[in-house]
Amino acid sequence: MTDVPLLEVKGLRTEFRSGGSVFAAVDGVSFTLAPGETLGIVGESGCGKSVTSLSIMRLVPNPPGRVAAGEILLEGRNLLALPEHEMQAIRGDAISMIFQEPMTSLNPVQTVGEQIVEAVRLHRVVSSTEARARALEMLRLVKIPSPETRLDEYPHQLSGGMRQRVMIAMALACDPKILRRPDLGRLAPGCKADFSLVDMSHPYMKPAHEPVRSLIYSASDRAIKHVYVDGTQVVRDGKVLTVDVEAATAGLIEGQRKRLETVSQRDWAGRTVDQLAPPVYGTKDRLPQSRPVS
């Protein structure tokens, strides 16, 4: 391990303007990430986990957002001081991010193979044939069935789980040093959850062989326990809390339970809200069975 961390975030503050007001979505977040380390960031929805990752990638939309203070050092280089063309060379190569909503991230008029090939050729000097072979290799890696066929299909032709696997394949295509992965048990509304992603994705996201990869794993609650982490930070209202992670995650779960208890309505099938909420804690959980309308 070198003296210089792979990634060091110091006093990060990201603000959003709304009308005449300024809201700090991330306020004073600091952490370091060593080569090969996995960092877990735990916090309820809206606490600033995703904005932290977008800030590191310099993908916060401006306006209305901006990184107002702090430093983001990748192997000693301050990413906030780089010109945009240098940052574009880093995104998807040295640092990659699995986006949680594939239907808004994938191009609907390009095949999934074309999109992975584009990502590979953007960062590697390879022929189109070599890039296509790499794309096929990545689809096999994430265990998409019939990858030779899926390579030439469009996003709408794939299931929600397969689209999420395509996003993983694209993020891994250039062997990034740092990979930010969300809680893959939570997908976009209307997208069928693929709970096997929670458990099976970690081994190939962090391979035992070279290159050594570091992970930043974000989760809303006890889903973090399904992934081995070297360190954990709890975030609330954009700030890192200096509390025990077990106590903090227990508090998050208890808060969710109390919110569900306050809702007394039932749906047409007679199921309570907690029965309708999709489970996110592992492959043993099951989605409620749909019932025909009588």
Protein backbone atom coordinates (compact mmCIF):
# COMPACT_ATOMS: atom_id res chain seq x y z
CA MET A 1 0.00 0.00 0.00
CA THR A 2 1.38 3.42 -0.99
CA ASP A 3 1.52 6.52 1.21
CA VAL A 4 -0.81 8.38 -1.17
CA PRO A 5 -4.43 7.10 -1.04
CA LEU A 6 -6.04 6.07 -4.29
CA LEU A 7 -8.90 8.47 -3.58
CA GLU A 8 -9.10 11.17 -0.93
CA VAL A 9 -12.16 13.37 -0.42
CA LYS A 10 -11.64 16.39 1.85
CA GLY A 11 -14.43 18.59 3.17
CA LEU A 12 -16.68 18.07 0.16
CA ARG A 13 -19.65 20.45 0.00
CA THR A 14 -22.13 20.29 -2.88
CA GLU A 15 -24.92 22.84 -3.08
CA PHE A 16 -28.13 23.20 -5.06
CA ARG A 17 -29.95 26.45 -5.67
CA SER A 18 -33.73 26.64 -5.66
CA GLY A 19 -35.20 30.08 -6.14
CA GLY A 20 -33.34 32.32 -3.75
CA SER A 21 -32.31 29.52 -1.40
CA VAL A 22 -29.19 27.33 -1.28
CA PHE A 23 -29.38 23.76 -0.03
CA ALA A 24 -26.29 21.73 0.85
CA ALA A 25 -26.92 18.14 -0.27
CA VAL A 26 -23.38 17.17 0.80
CA ASP A 27 -21.82 19.12 3.66
CA GLY A 28 -18.25 18.47 4.77
CA VAL A 29 -17.92 14.82 3.70
CA SER A 30 -14.37 13.44 3.98
CA PHE A 31 -12.98 9.94 3.46
CA THR A 32 -10.05 8.07 1.95
CA LEU A 33 -10.01 4.95 -0.19
CA ALA A 34 -6.92 2.76 -0.50
CA PRO A 35 -6.16 0.45 -3.46
CA GLY A 36 -8.25 -2.72 -3.14
CA GLU A 37 -10.39 -1.31 -0.32
CA THR A 38 -14.19 -1.43 -0.16
CA LEU A 39 -15.94 1.51 1.50
CA GLY A 40 -19.59 1.25 2.48
CA ILE A 41 -21.67 4.43 2.62
CA VAL A 42 -24.93 3.92 4.52
CA GLY A 43 -27.78 6.36 4.78
CA GLU A 44 -31.48 6.82 4.16
CA SER A 45 -32.76 7.93 0.78
CA GLY A 46 -31.94 11.58 0.09
CA CYS A 47 -29.07 11.76 2.60
CA GLY A 48 -26.44 12.62 -0.05
CA LYS A 49 -24.92 9.25 -1.05
CA SER A 50 -25.56 9.61 -4.77
CA VAL A 51 -24.68 13.31 -4.84
CA THR A 52 -21.34 12.45 -3.23
CA SER A 53 -20.62 9.98 -6.04
CA LEU A 54 -21.79 12.41 -8.73
CA SER A 55 -19.56 15.07 -7.22
CA ILE A 56 -16.54 12.76 -7.40
CA MET A 57 -17.32 12.07 -11.07
CA ARG A 58 -18.05 15.78 -11.66
CA LEU A 59 -21.49 14.94 -12.97
CA VAL A 60 -23.54 17.25 -10.76
CA PRO A 61 -25.72 19.31 -13.15
CA ASN A 62 -24.72 22.97 -13.08
CA PRO A 63 -27.04 24.82 -12.75
CA PRO A 64 -28.63 24.23 -10.28
CA GLY A 65 -25.88 22.29 -8.48
CA ARG A 66 -22.19 22.94 -7.90
CA VAL A 67 -19.30 21.71 -5.78
CA ALA A 68 -18.86 24.70 -3.49
CA ALA A 69 -15.89 23.55 -1.39
CA GLY A 70 -13.47 20.73 -0.76
CA GLU A 71 -10.97 18.63 -2.68
CA ILE A 72 -11.28 15.33 -4.55
CA LEU A 73 -7.82 13.81 -5.00
CA LEU A 74 -7.30 10.84 -7.31
CA GLU A 75 -3.76 9.57 -6.74
CA GLY A 76 -2.86 13.09 -5.63
CA ARG A 77 -4.52 14.94 -8.54
CA ASN A 78 -7.34 17.30 -7.66
CA LEU A 79 -10.21 16.34 -9.96
CA LEU A 80 -11.99 19.63 -9.31
CA ALA A 81 -9.10 21.53 -10.91
CA LEU A 82 -8.92 19.47 -14.12
CA PRO A 83 -10.28 20.76 -17.43
CA GLU A 84 -13.33 18.93 -18.71
CA HIS A 85 -11.51 17.03 -21.49
CA GLU A 86 -9.14 15.49 -18.90
CA MET A 87 -12.08 14.59 -16.66
CA GLN A 88 -13.79 12.86 -19.58
CA ALA A 89 -10.72 10.64 -19.95
CA ILE A 90 -10.99 9.64 -16.28
CA ARG A 91 -14.73 8.87 -16.21
CA GLY A 92 -15.37 5.28 -17.19
CA ASP A 93 -11.67 4.49 -17.09
CA ALA A 94 -9.95 5.22 -13.76
CA ILE A 95 -13.30 5.81 -12.01
CA SER A 96 -16.53 4.16 -13.08
CA MET A 97 -20.06 4.24 -11.74
CA ILE A 98 -22.96 1.82 -12.10
CA PHE A 99 -26.04 3.95 -12.63
CA GLN A 100 -29.12 2.69 -10.85
CA GLU A 101 -31.72 3.47 -13.53
CA PRO A 102 -30.73 1.72 -16.76
CA MET A 103 -33.78 2.92 -18.69
CA THR A 104 -32.62 6.52 -18.32
CA SER A 105 -28.92 5.70 -18.75
CA LEU A 106 -28.96 3.41 -21.80
CA ASN A 107 -29.50 4.86 -25.27
CA PRO A 108 -32.79 3.42 -26.63
CA VAL A 109 -31.70 3.72 -30.29
CA GLN A 110 -28.40 1.85 -29.91
CA THR A 111 -27.90 -1.85 -29.24
CA VAL A 112 -26.35 -2.72 -25.91
CA GLY A 113 -23.31 -4.03 -27.77
CA GLU A 114 -22.80 -0.71 -29.57
CA GLN A 115 -22.94 1.15 -26.26
CA ILE A 116 -20.35 -1.07 -24.56
CA VAL A 117 -18.13 -0.91 -27.66
CA GLU A 118 -18.36 2.89 -27.62
CA ALA A 119 -17.24 2.98 -23.98
CA VAL A 120 -14.28 0.67 -24.70
CA ARG A 121 -13.09 2.56 -27.79
CA LEU A 122 -13.36 5.89 -25.97
CA HIS A 123 -10.65 4.82 -23.52
CA ARG A 124 -8.69 2.11 -25.34
CA VAL A 125 -6.86 2.09 -28.69
CA VAL A 126 -8.49 -1.03 -30.11
CA SER A 127 -10.25 -2.01 -33.33
CA SER A 128 -14.03 -2.33 -33.53
CA THR A 129 -13.62 -6.11 -33.68
CA GLU A 130 -11.53 -6.15 -30.50
CA ALA A 131 -13.96 -3.81 -28.74
CA ARG A 132 -16.90 -6.03 -29.73
CA ALA A 133 -15.05 -9.08 -28.40
CA ARG A 134 -14.54 -7.20 -25.11
CA ALA A 135 -18.24 -6.31 -24.98
CA LEU A 136 -19.17 -9.97 -25.47
CA GLU A 137 -16.70 -10.97 -22.76
CA MET A 138 -18.32 -8.53 -20.33
CA LEU A 139 -21.85 -9.80 -21.03
CA ARG A 140 -20.62 -13.31 -20.31
CA LEU A 141 -18.97 -12.06 -17.12
CA VAL A 142 -22.24 -10.68 -15.74
CA LYS A 143 -23.99 -13.93 -16.70
CA ILE A 144 -26.44 -12.61 -19.27
CA PRO A 145 -27.94 -15.65 -21.06
CA SER A 146 -27.26 -15.99 -24.82
CA PRO A 147 -24.80 -13.06 -24.81
CA GLU A 148 -24.09 -13.36 -28.55
CA THR A 149 -27.77 -12.62 -29.23
CA ARG A 150 -28.21 -9.99 -26.51
CA LEU A 151 -25.24 -8.05 -27.84
CA ASP A 152 -27.31 -6.96 -30.87
CA GLU A 153 -30.52 -6.27 -28.99
CA TYR A 154 -31.88 -2.91 -27.86
CA PRO A 155 -32.48 -2.01 -24.19
CA HIS A 156 -36.27 -2.35 -24.51
CA GLN A 157 -35.82 -5.97 -25.61
CA LEU A 158 -34.15 -6.91 -22.33
CA SER A 159 -35.68 -7.50 -18.92
CA GLY A 160 -35.04 -5.02 -16.11
CA GLY A 161 -32.51 -7.33 -14.49
CA MET A 162 -30.61 -7.83 -17.75
CA ARG A 163 -30.53 -4.07 -18.38
CA GLN A 164 -28.99 -3.62 -14.94
CA ARG A 165 -26.38 -6.27 -15.79
CA VAL A 166 -25.58 -4.39 -19.00
CA MET A 167 -24.90 -1.29 -16.87
CA ILE A 168 -22.52 -3.37 -14.72
CA ALA A 169 -20.79 -4.74 -17.83
CA MET A 170 -20.33 -1.25 -19.24
CA ALA A 171 -18.93 0.07 -15.96
CA LEU A 172 -16.39 -2.78 -15.78
CA ALA A 173 -15.40 -2.80 -19.46
CA CYS A 174 -12.26 -0.67 -19.01
CA ASP A 175 -11.10 -2.23 -15.71
CA PRO A 176 -11.58 0.87 -13.53
CA LYS A 177 -9.44 1.41 -10.45
CA ILE A 178 -12.49 2.66 -8.54
CA LEU A 179 -16.05 1.43 -9.01
CA ARG A 180 -19.05 3.02 -7.38
CA ARG A 181 -21.93 0.60 -7.09
CA PRO A 182 -25.38 1.37 -5.71
CA ASP A 183 -27.62 -0.96 -3.76
CA LEU A 184 -28.56 -3.16 -6.72
CA GLY A 185 -31.56 -4.58 -4.89
CA ARG A 186 -33.29 -1.24 -5.48
CA LEU A 187 -34.07 -0.54 -9.09
CA ALA A 188 -36.07 2.14 -10.82
CA PRO A 189 -39.86 2.18 -10.36
CA GLY A 190 -41.52 -0.22 -12.77
CA CYS A 191 -38.29 -2.16 -13.23
CA LYS A 192 -38.39 -5.76 -12.03
CA ALA A 193 -35.87 -6.26 -9.25
CA ASP A 194 -33.08 -8.77 -9.79
CA PHE A 195 -32.15 -9.68 -6.22
CA SER A 196 -29.37 -12.03 -7.31
CA LEU A 197 -27.39 -8.89 -8.19
CA VAL A 198 -27.08 -8.07 -4.49
CA ASP A 199 -25.15 -11.26 -3.76
CA MET A 200 -23.51 -12.38 -7.00
CA SER A 201 -22.13 -9.13 -8.35
CA HIS A 202 -19.42 -8.51 -5.76
CA PRO A 203 -16.90 -11.25 -6.75
CA TYR A 204 -16.37 -9.95 -10.29
CA MET A 205 -16.64 -6.31 -9.29
CA LYS A 206 -13.60 -6.85 -7.07
CA PRO A 207 -11.52 -9.62 -8.69
CA ALA A 208 -8.85 -11.46 -6.75
CA HIS A 209 -6.33 -10.94 -9.57
CA GLU A 210 -4.87 -7.77 -11.04
CA PRO A 211 -5.94 -5.06 -11.54
CA VAL A 212 -6.72 -4.37 -7.89
CA ARG A 213 -10.06 -2.58 -7.73
CA SER A 214 -11.51 -0.37 -5.00
CA LEU A 215 -15.25 -0.14 -4.40
CA ILE A 216 -17.57 2.49 -3.02
CA TYR A 217 -20.80 0.72 -2.11
CA SER A 218 -23.92 2.72 -1.27
CA ALA A 219 -26.89 1.27 0.59
CA SER A 220 -29.97 2.63 2.32
CA ASP A 221 -30.08 0.14 5.19
CA ARG A 222 -28.98 -3.34 6.25
CA ALA A 223 -28.38 -4.36 2.61
CA ILE A 224 -24.80 -3.28 3.33
CA LYS A 225 -24.40 -6.46 5.36
CA HIS A 226 -24.57 -8.54 2.17
CA VAL A 227 -21.30 -7.05 0.95
CA TYR A 228 -17.92 -7.29 2.66
CA VAL A 229 -16.63 -3.79 3.44
CA ASP A 230 -13.34 -2.63 4.94
CA GLY A 231 -14.89 0.51 6.40
CA THR A 232 -18.32 2.11 6.69
CA GLN A 233 -19.52 5.68 6.87
CA VAL A 234 -23.02 6.68 7.91
CA VAL A 235 -24.42 9.77 6.18
CA ARG A 236 -27.42 11.78 7.26
CA ASP A 237 -28.55 15.13 5.84
CA GLY A 238 -25.33 15.37 3.83
CA LYS A 239 -23.04 14.94 6.83
CA VAL A 240 -20.94 11.97 7.97
CA LEU A 241 -22.01 10.77 11.41
CA THR A 242 -19.45 9.56 13.92
CA VAL A 243 -21.62 6.78 15.32
CA ASP A 244 -21.54 3.00 15.46
CA VAL A 245 -22.71 1.62 12.12
CA GLU A 246 -24.81 -1.15 13.72
CA ALA A 247 -26.70 1.39 15.82
CA ALA A 248 -27.15 3.70 12.84
CA THR A 249 -28.47 1.02 10.48
CA ALA A 250 -30.79 -0.24 13.22
CA GLY A 251 -32.11 3.30 13.53
CA LEU A 252 -32.71 3.52 9.79
CA ILE A 253 -34.63 0.23 9.78
CA GLU A 254 -36.69 1.26 12.82
CA GLY A 255 -37.54 4.58 11.15
CA GLN A 256 -38.73 2.76 8.03
CA ARG A 257 -40.87 0.40 10.13
CA LYS A 258 -42.52 3.30 11.99
CA ARG A 259 -43.31 5.08 8.73
CA LEU A 260 -45.03 1.97 7.41
CA GLU A 261 -47.00 1.59 10.64
CA THR A 262 -48.46 5.08 10.26
CA VAL A 263 -50.13 4.11 6.98
CA SER A 264 -53.42 2.36 7.63
CA GLN A 265 -54.71 2.15 4.05
CA ARG A 266 -54.99 -1.16 2.25
CA ASP A 267 -54.91 -1.76 -1.50
CA TRP A 268 -57.65 -3.48 -3.52
CA ALA A 269 -56.12 -6.91 -2.84
CA GLY A 270 -56.19 -6.37 0.91
CA ARG A 271 -52.42 -6.21 1.32
CA THR A 272 -50.78 -3.76 3.67
CA VAL A 273 -48.14 -1.29 2.51
CA ASP A 274 -45.27 -3.28 4.03
CA GLN A 275 -46.38 -6.30 1.98
CA LEU A 276 -46.35 -4.19 -1.17
CA ALA A 277 -42.85 -2.78 -0.58
CA PRO A 278 -40.26 -4.85 -2.49
CA PRO A 279 -37.68 -6.55 -0.24
CA VAL A 280 -34.07 -5.50 -0.71
CA TYR A 281 -32.11 -7.63 1.71
CA GLY A 282 -31.16 -10.74 -0.27
CA THR A 283 -32.13 -13.51 -2.60
CA LYS A 284 -34.23 -15.34 0.00
CA ASP A 285 -36.77 -12.51 0.07
CA ARG A 286 -39.66 -12.83 -2.34
CA LEU A 287 -41.83 -10.30 -4.11
CA PRO A 288 -45.57 -10.49 -3.33
CA GLN A 289 -47.51 -12.60 -5.79
CA SER A 290 -49.80 -10.63 -8.09
CA ARG A 291 -53.50 -11.39 -7.95
CA PRO A 292 -56.04 -11.06 -10.78
CA VAL A 293 -58.67 -8.34 -10.46
CA SER A 294 -61.96 -9.94 -9.59
